[in-house]
Amino acid sequence: MLRLSRPVRHPRIAVSVAVALWLVMESASVYLFILNRRLTRELVQHTWREPTLIMTNAGGRPAEVARLYGVDWRVTPPVSLDRIPPYVGDAFLAAEDVRFRHHFGIDPIGMLRALFANVRAGGITQGGSTIDQ
């Protein structure tokens, strides 16, 4: 009688790769499970979710003046752009992107510099212009 199919054989290398892949996936899921538990426990125990309320009793009635979130948040009045001195913007540009006014929105020199620095370091160490991007 003629046999139409051969018995399936699993080479040892394929079984080894499958077992190794399964072990990697299993250990990654255990790691994510433990990380999720730790983060959940950490977030539940902190009281930073509760705002700090600043109240006033002016006029004989208690009223809320401000609601502050976080540790060092503070209420500051808004400042209009025409009240900011021009040297503040110039200092920001000098710190972030010296060639900001000389390129067309994307700084090819800065991006190439960052690319070479990242390749040399083997990871992300620098970036291009971040003001307009």
N, C-alpha and C. Protein backbone atom coordinates (compact mmCIF):
# COMPACT_ATOMS: atom_id res chain seq x y z
N MET A 1 0.84 -1.17 0.00
CA MET A 1 0.00 0.00 0.00
C MET A 1 0.89 1.24 0.00
N LEU A 2 0.48 2.26 -0.75
CA LEU A 2 1.25 3.47 -0.90
C LEU A 2 0.92 4.44 0.24
N ARG A 3 1.95 4.96 0.83
CA ARG A 3 1.77 5.89 1.95
C ARG A 3 1.78 7.32 1.43
N LEU A 4 0.78 8.12 1.79
CA LEU A 4 0.66 9.47 1.26
C LEU A 4 1.43 10.50 2.09
N SER A 5 1.65 10.24 3.30
CA SER A 5 2.37 11.21 4.14
C SER A 5 3.39 10.48 4.99
N ARG A 6 4.42 11.25 5.32
CA ARG A 6 5.45 10.70 6.19
C ARG A 6 5.14 11.08 7.63
N PRO A 7 5.60 10.31 8.55
CA PRO A 7 5.40 10.72 9.95
C PRO A 7 6.18 12.01 10.21
N VAL A 8 5.60 12.86 11.02
CA VAL A 8 6.20 14.15 11.33
C VAL A 8 7.30 13.96 12.36
N ARG A 9 8.46 14.47 12.03
CA ARG A 9 9.57 14.44 12.97
C ARG A 9 9.92 15.87 13.36
N HIS A 10 10.16 16.06 14.60
CA HIS A 10 10.56 17.36 15.09
C HIS A 10 12.06 17.32 15.35
N PRO A 11 12.81 18.09 14.60
CA PRO A 11 14.24 18.09 14.87
C PRO A 11 14.53 18.64 16.26
N ARG A 12 15.60 18.19 16.82
CA ARG A 12 15.94 18.62 18.19
C ARG A 12 16.11 20.13 18.29
N ILE A 13 16.67 20.75 17.28
CA ILE A 13 16.89 22.20 17.34
C ILE A 13 15.57 22.96 17.39
N ALA A 14 14.57 22.51 16.64
CA ALA A 14 13.27 23.18 16.64
C ALA A 14 12.60 23.04 18.00
N VAL A 15 12.69 21.86 18.59
CA VAL A 15 12.10 21.66 19.92
C VAL A 15 12.83 22.50 20.95
N SER A 16 14.16 22.58 20.83
CA SER A 16 14.95 23.39 21.77
C SER A 16 14.60 24.86 21.64
N VAL A 17 14.46 25.35 20.43
CA VAL A 17 14.09 26.75 20.22
C VAL A 17 12.70 27.02 20.76
N ALA A 18 11.78 26.11 20.54
CA ALA A 18 10.42 26.29 21.03
C ALA A 18 10.39 26.32 22.56
N VAL A 19 11.14 25.44 23.20
CA VAL A 19 11.18 25.42 24.66
C VAL A 19 11.84 26.69 25.19
N ALA A 20 12.92 27.13 24.55
CA ALA A 20 13.60 28.35 24.98
C ALA A 20 12.68 29.56 24.82
N LEU A 21 11.97 29.64 23.70
CA LEU A 21 11.03 30.73 23.48
C LEU A 21 9.90 30.70 24.50
N TRP A 22 9.42 29.53 24.82
CA TRP A 22 8.36 29.41 25.83
C TRP A 22 8.88 29.88 27.19
N LEU A 23 10.11 29.49 27.54
CA LEU A 23 10.67 29.92 28.83
C LEU A 23 10.86 31.43 28.90
N VAL A 24 11.30 32.03 27.80
CA VAL A 24 11.46 33.48 27.76
C VAL A 24 10.11 34.17 27.93
N MET A 25 9.11 33.72 27.21
CA MET A 25 7.78 34.33 27.32
C MET A 25 7.19 34.14 28.71
N GLU A 26 7.39 32.98 29.28
CA GLU A 26 6.86 32.70 30.63
C GLU A 26 7.55 33.58 31.67
N SER A 27 8.86 33.72 31.57
CA SER A 27 9.56 34.56 32.55
C SER A 27 9.20 36.04 32.35
N ALA A 28 8.96 36.48 31.11
CA ALA A 28 8.53 37.85 30.88
C ALA A 28 7.15 38.09 31.47
N SER A 29 6.25 37.13 31.35
CA SER A 29 4.92 37.33 31.95
C SER A 29 4.98 37.31 33.47
N VAL A 30 5.83 36.50 34.05
CA VAL A 30 5.97 36.51 35.51
C VAL A 30 6.56 37.85 35.96
N TYR A 31 7.54 38.36 35.22
CA TYR A 31 8.14 39.66 35.55
C TYR A 31 7.10 40.76 35.47
N LEU A 32 6.29 40.79 34.41
CA LEU A 32 5.26 41.81 34.28
C LEU A 32 4.20 41.68 35.36
N PHE A 33 3.86 40.46 35.75
CA PHE A 33 2.90 40.26 36.83
C PHE A 33 3.43 40.83 38.14
N ILE A 34 4.70 40.54 38.45
CA ILE A 34 5.29 41.06 39.70
C ILE A 34 5.40 42.58 39.64
N LEU A 35 5.80 43.13 38.49
CA LEU A 35 5.89 44.58 38.35
C LEU A 35 4.54 45.24 38.51
N ASN A 36 3.50 44.63 37.95
CA ASN A 36 2.16 45.18 38.09
C ASN A 36 1.72 45.18 39.55
N ARG A 37 2.01 44.10 40.26
CA ARG A 37 1.64 44.03 41.68
C ARG A 37 2.37 45.10 42.49
N ARG A 38 3.68 45.27 42.23
CA ARG A 38 4.46 46.26 42.97
C ARG A 38 3.97 47.67 42.68
N LEU A 39 3.72 47.99 41.40
CA LEU A 39 3.25 49.32 41.06
C LEU A 39 1.87 49.60 41.65
N THR A 40 1.00 48.63 41.60
CA THR A 40 -0.33 48.81 42.18
C THR A 40 -0.24 49.05 43.67
N ARG A 41 0.56 48.26 44.37
CA ARG A 41 0.72 48.45 45.81
C ARG A 41 1.32 49.82 46.12
N GLU A 42 2.30 50.25 45.33
CA GLU A 42 2.95 51.54 45.55
C GLU A 42 1.98 52.69 45.33
N LEU A 43 1.18 52.60 44.29
CA LEU A 43 0.24 53.68 44.00
C LEU A 43 -0.88 53.74 45.01
N VAL A 44 -1.31 52.60 45.54
CA VAL A 44 -2.41 52.60 46.50
C VAL A 44 -1.96 53.17 47.84
N GLN A 45 -0.71 52.93 48.23
CA GLN A 45 -0.26 53.37 49.55
C GLN A 45 0.06 54.85 49.61
N HIS A 46 0.32 55.50 48.51
CA HIS A 46 0.68 56.92 48.55
C HIS A 46 -0.55 57.80 48.69
N THR A 47 -0.35 58.92 49.33
CA THR A 47 -1.46 59.86 49.53
C THR A 47 -1.35 61.05 48.60
N TRP A 48 -0.51 60.98 47.57
CA TRP A 48 -0.37 62.12 46.68
C TRP A 48 -1.61 62.34 45.84
N ARG A 49 -2.48 61.35 45.81
CA ARG A 49 -3.73 61.52 45.08
C ARG A 49 -4.67 62.50 45.80
N GLU A 50 -4.50 62.60 47.11
CA GLU A 50 -5.36 63.50 47.87
C GLU A 50 -4.82 64.91 47.74
N PRO A 51 -5.63 65.85 47.27
CA PRO A 51 -5.13 67.21 47.08
C PRO A 51 -5.01 67.95 48.42
N THR A 52 -4.15 68.95 48.42
CA THR A 52 -4.06 69.86 49.55
C THR A 52 -5.03 70.99 49.28
N LEU A 53 -5.95 71.19 50.18
CA LEU A 53 -6.95 72.24 50.01
C LEU A 53 -6.53 73.47 50.81
N ILE A 54 -6.55 74.62 50.17
CA ILE A 54 -6.33 75.89 50.86
C ILE A 54 -7.69 76.56 50.98
N MET A 55 -8.09 76.77 52.21
CA MET A 55 -9.43 77.30 52.48
C MET A 55 -9.32 78.70 53.08
N THR A 56 -10.39 79.44 52.94
CA THR A 56 -10.49 80.75 53.57
C THR A 56 -11.82 80.84 54.32
N ASN A 57 -11.82 81.67 55.32
CA ASN A 57 -13.05 81.89 56.10
C ASN A 57 -13.45 83.35 56.01
N ALA A 58 -13.05 84.01 54.94
CA ALA A 58 -13.37 85.43 54.77
C ALA A 58 -14.87 85.60 54.56
N GLY A 59 -15.41 86.57 55.20
CA GLY A 59 -16.84 86.84 55.08
C GLY A 59 -17.69 85.92 55.92
N GLY A 60 -17.08 85.14 56.79
CA GLY A 60 -17.83 84.26 57.66
C GLY A 60 -18.22 82.93 57.05
N ARG A 61 -17.90 82.69 55.79
CA ARG A 61 -18.22 81.41 55.16
C ARG A 61 -16.94 80.75 54.68
N PRO A 62 -16.78 79.46 54.95
CA PRO A 62 -15.60 78.78 54.43
C PRO A 62 -15.70 78.60 52.91
N ALA A 63 -14.60 78.87 52.22
CA ALA A 63 -14.57 78.72 50.77
C ALA A 63 -13.20 78.18 50.36
N GLU A 64 -13.18 77.42 49.29
CA GLU A 64 -11.94 76.85 48.80
C GLU A 64 -11.23 77.88 47.92
N VAL A 65 -9.96 78.13 48.23
CA VAL A 65 -9.16 79.08 47.46
C VAL A 65 -8.39 78.35 46.36
N ALA A 66 -7.74 77.24 46.72
CA ALA A 66 -6.94 76.49 45.75
C ALA A 66 -6.92 75.03 46.13
N ARG A 67 -6.74 74.19 45.12
CA ARG A 67 -6.60 72.76 45.31
C ARG A 67 -5.28 72.36 44.66
N LEU A 68 -4.32 71.91 45.49
CA LEU A 68 -2.97 71.61 45.02
C LEU A 68 -2.75 70.11 44.98
N TYR A 69 -2.17 69.62 43.90
CA TYR A 69 -1.86 68.21 43.75
C TYR A 69 -0.35 68.04 43.73
N GLY A 70 0.13 66.94 44.26
CA GLY A 70 1.56 66.66 44.26
C GLY A 70 2.24 67.20 45.50
N VAL A 71 3.56 67.14 45.48
CA VAL A 71 4.33 67.54 46.65
C VAL A 71 4.67 69.01 46.61
N ASP A 72 5.22 69.49 45.51
CA ASP A 72 5.69 70.88 45.48
C ASP A 72 5.00 71.70 44.39
N TRP A 73 3.75 71.40 44.13
CA TRP A 73 3.00 72.21 43.19
C TRP A 73 2.59 73.48 43.90
N ARG A 74 2.57 74.55 43.17
CA ARG A 74 2.14 75.80 43.77
C ARG A 74 1.32 76.58 42.75
N VAL A 75 0.48 77.40 43.25
CA VAL A 75 -0.37 78.22 42.39
C VAL A 75 0.41 79.47 42.01
N THR A 76 0.54 79.72 40.73
CA THR A 76 1.19 80.94 40.26
C THR A 76 0.24 81.63 39.29
N PRO A 77 0.20 82.93 39.35
CA PRO A 77 -0.67 83.64 38.41
C PRO A 77 -0.11 83.54 37.00
N PRO A 78 -0.98 83.50 36.00
CA PRO A 78 -0.49 83.44 34.62
C PRO A 78 0.21 84.74 34.23
N VAL A 79 1.20 84.61 33.36
CA VAL A 79 1.96 85.76 32.87
C VAL A 79 1.74 85.85 31.37
N SER A 80 1.41 87.04 30.89
CA SER A 80 1.23 87.20 29.45
C SER A 80 2.58 87.29 28.76
N LEU A 81 2.62 86.92 27.49
CA LEU A 81 3.88 86.87 26.76
C LEU A 81 4.52 88.24 26.59
N ASP A 82 3.73 89.30 26.54
CA ASP A 82 4.33 90.62 26.36
C ASP A 82 5.00 91.13 27.65
N ARG A 83 4.73 90.50 28.79
CA ARG A 83 5.37 90.89 30.04
C ARG A 83 6.69 90.15 30.28
N ILE A 84 6.97 89.12 29.49
CA ILE A 84 8.21 88.37 29.65
C ILE A 84 9.32 89.13 28.92
N PRO A 85 10.44 89.39 29.59
CA PRO A 85 11.54 90.11 28.92
C PRO A 85 12.12 89.28 27.77
N PRO A 86 12.65 89.93 26.74
CA PRO A 86 13.16 89.19 25.57
C PRO A 86 14.34 88.29 25.90
N TYR A 87 15.12 88.59 26.94
CA TYR A 87 16.28 87.75 27.24
C TYR A 87 15.87 86.37 27.77
N VAL A 88 14.64 86.20 28.23
CA VAL A 88 14.19 84.88 28.69
C VAL A 88 14.07 83.93 27.49
N GLY A 89 13.46 84.40 26.42
CA GLY A 89 13.36 83.59 25.21
C GLY A 89 14.71 83.34 24.58
N ASP A 90 15.58 84.36 24.59
CA ASP A 90 16.92 84.18 24.03
C ASP A 90 17.72 83.17 24.84
N ALA A 91 17.59 83.19 26.16
CA ALA A 91 18.30 82.22 27.00
C ALA A 91 17.78 80.80 26.74
N PHE A 92 16.48 80.68 26.55
CA PHE A 92 15.90 79.37 26.24
C PHE A 92 16.44 78.84 24.92
N LEU A 93 16.47 79.70 23.90
CA LEU A 93 16.99 79.27 22.60
C LEU A 93 18.48 78.95 22.67
N ALA A 94 19.24 79.70 23.44
CA ALA A 94 20.67 79.43 23.56
C ALA A 94 20.92 78.09 24.24
N ALA A 95 20.07 77.73 25.17
CA ALA A 95 20.26 76.45 25.87
C ALA A 95 19.77 75.28 25.03
N GLU A 96 18.71 75.47 24.26
CA GLU A 96 18.11 74.36 23.53
C GLU A 96 18.66 74.19 22.12
N ASP A 97 18.66 75.25 21.33
CA ASP A 97 19.02 75.13 19.92
C ASP A 97 19.58 76.46 19.45
N VAL A 98 20.91 76.55 19.35
CA VAL A 98 21.57 77.80 18.97
C VAL A 98 21.21 78.18 17.53
N ARG A 99 21.03 77.20 16.65
CA ARG A 99 20.73 77.46 15.25
C ARG A 99 19.23 77.52 14.96
N PHE A 100 18.40 77.78 15.97
CA PHE A 100 16.94 77.72 15.79
C PHE A 100 16.45 78.70 14.73
N ARG A 101 16.99 79.89 14.70
CA ARG A 101 16.53 80.90 13.74
C ARG A 101 17.20 80.74 12.37
N HIS A 102 18.09 79.74 12.19
CA HIS A 102 18.82 79.59 10.95
C HIS A 102 18.44 78.32 10.17
N HIS A 103 17.50 77.53 10.69
CA HIS A 103 17.07 76.36 9.92
C HIS A 103 15.58 76.43 9.69
N PHE A 104 15.06 75.51 8.91
CA PHE A 104 13.67 75.57 8.44
C PHE A 104 12.71 74.75 9.29
N GLY A 105 13.02 74.53 10.55
CA GLY A 105 12.14 73.78 11.43
C GLY A 105 12.71 72.44 11.82
N ILE A 106 13.58 71.90 11.01
CA ILE A 106 14.29 70.65 11.33
C ILE A 106 15.77 70.97 11.20
N ASP A 107 16.52 70.66 12.22
CA ASP A 107 17.94 70.98 12.26
C ASP A 107 18.74 69.77 11.79
N PRO A 108 19.11 69.70 10.49
CA PRO A 108 19.83 68.52 10.01
C PRO A 108 21.20 68.37 10.67
N ILE A 109 21.88 69.47 10.96
CA ILE A 109 23.19 69.39 11.61
C ILE A 109 23.06 68.80 13.00
N GLY A 110 22.06 69.27 13.75
CA GLY A 110 21.84 68.75 15.10
C GLY A 110 21.40 67.30 15.10
N MET A 111 20.60 66.92 14.10
CA MET A 111 20.15 65.53 14.04
C MET A 111 21.31 64.59 13.67
N LEU A 112 22.19 65.02 12.75
CA LEU A 112 23.35 64.21 12.42
C LEU A 112 24.31 64.09 13.61
N ARG A 113 24.51 65.21 14.33
CA ARG A 113 25.35 65.18 15.52
C ARG A 113 24.80 64.19 16.53
N ALA A 114 23.49 64.24 16.75
CA ALA A 114 22.86 63.32 17.70
C ALA A 114 22.94 61.88 17.21
N LEU A 115 22.78 61.67 15.90
CA LEU A 115 22.87 60.32 15.36
C LEU A 115 24.25 59.72 15.60
N PHE A 116 25.30 60.49 15.28
CA PHE A 116 26.66 59.98 15.49
C PHE A 116 26.95 59.74 16.96
N ALA A 117 26.49 60.63 17.83
CA ALA A 117 26.71 60.44 19.27
C ALA A 117 25.98 59.20 19.78
N ASN A 118 24.76 58.97 19.28
CA ASN A 118 23.99 57.79 19.71
C ASN A 118 24.62 56.49 19.20
N VAL A 119 25.13 56.51 17.96
CA VAL A 119 25.76 55.32 17.41
C VAL A 119 27.05 55.01 18.18
N ARG A 120 27.83 56.05 18.48
CA ARG A 120 29.07 55.83 19.22
C ARG A 120 28.80 55.30 20.62
N ALA A 121 27.75 55.79 21.27
CA ALA A 121 27.45 55.37 22.64
C ALA A 121 26.69 54.04 22.67
N GLY A 122 26.11 53.63 21.57
CA GLY A 122 25.35 52.39 21.55
C GLY A 122 23.97 52.52 22.16
N GLY A 123 23.46 53.73 22.27
CA GLY A 123 22.13 53.98 22.83
C GLY A 123 21.78 55.44 22.63
N ILE A 124 20.66 55.84 23.17
CA ILE A 124 20.21 57.22 23.02
C ILE A 124 20.88 58.08 24.09
N THR A 125 21.72 59.01 23.64
CA THR A 125 22.38 59.92 24.57
C THR A 125 22.08 61.37 24.24
N GLN A 126 21.76 61.65 23.00
CA GLN A 126 21.46 63.02 22.57
C GLN A 126 20.27 63.00 21.63
N GLY A 127 19.74 64.20 21.40
CA GLY A 127 18.64 64.35 20.46
C GLY A 127 18.84 65.57 19.61
N GLY A 128 18.04 65.70 18.58
CA GLY A 128 18.10 66.88 17.72
C GLY A 128 17.36 68.03 18.37
N SER A 129 16.96 68.98 17.58
CA SER A 129 16.25 70.15 18.10
C SER A 129 14.87 69.72 18.61
N THR A 130 14.58 70.03 19.84
CA THR A 130 13.30 69.60 20.42
C THR A 130 12.28 70.73 20.52
N ILE A 131 12.64 71.94 20.14
CA ILE A 131 11.70 73.06 20.27
C ILE A 131 10.57 72.90 19.27
N ASP A 132 10.91 72.70 18.01
CA ASP A 132 9.88 72.64 16.98
C ASP A 132 9.43 71.22 16.66
N GLN A 133 10.13 70.22 17.18
CA GLN A 133 9.72 68.86 16.90
C GLN A 133 8.92 68.34 18.06
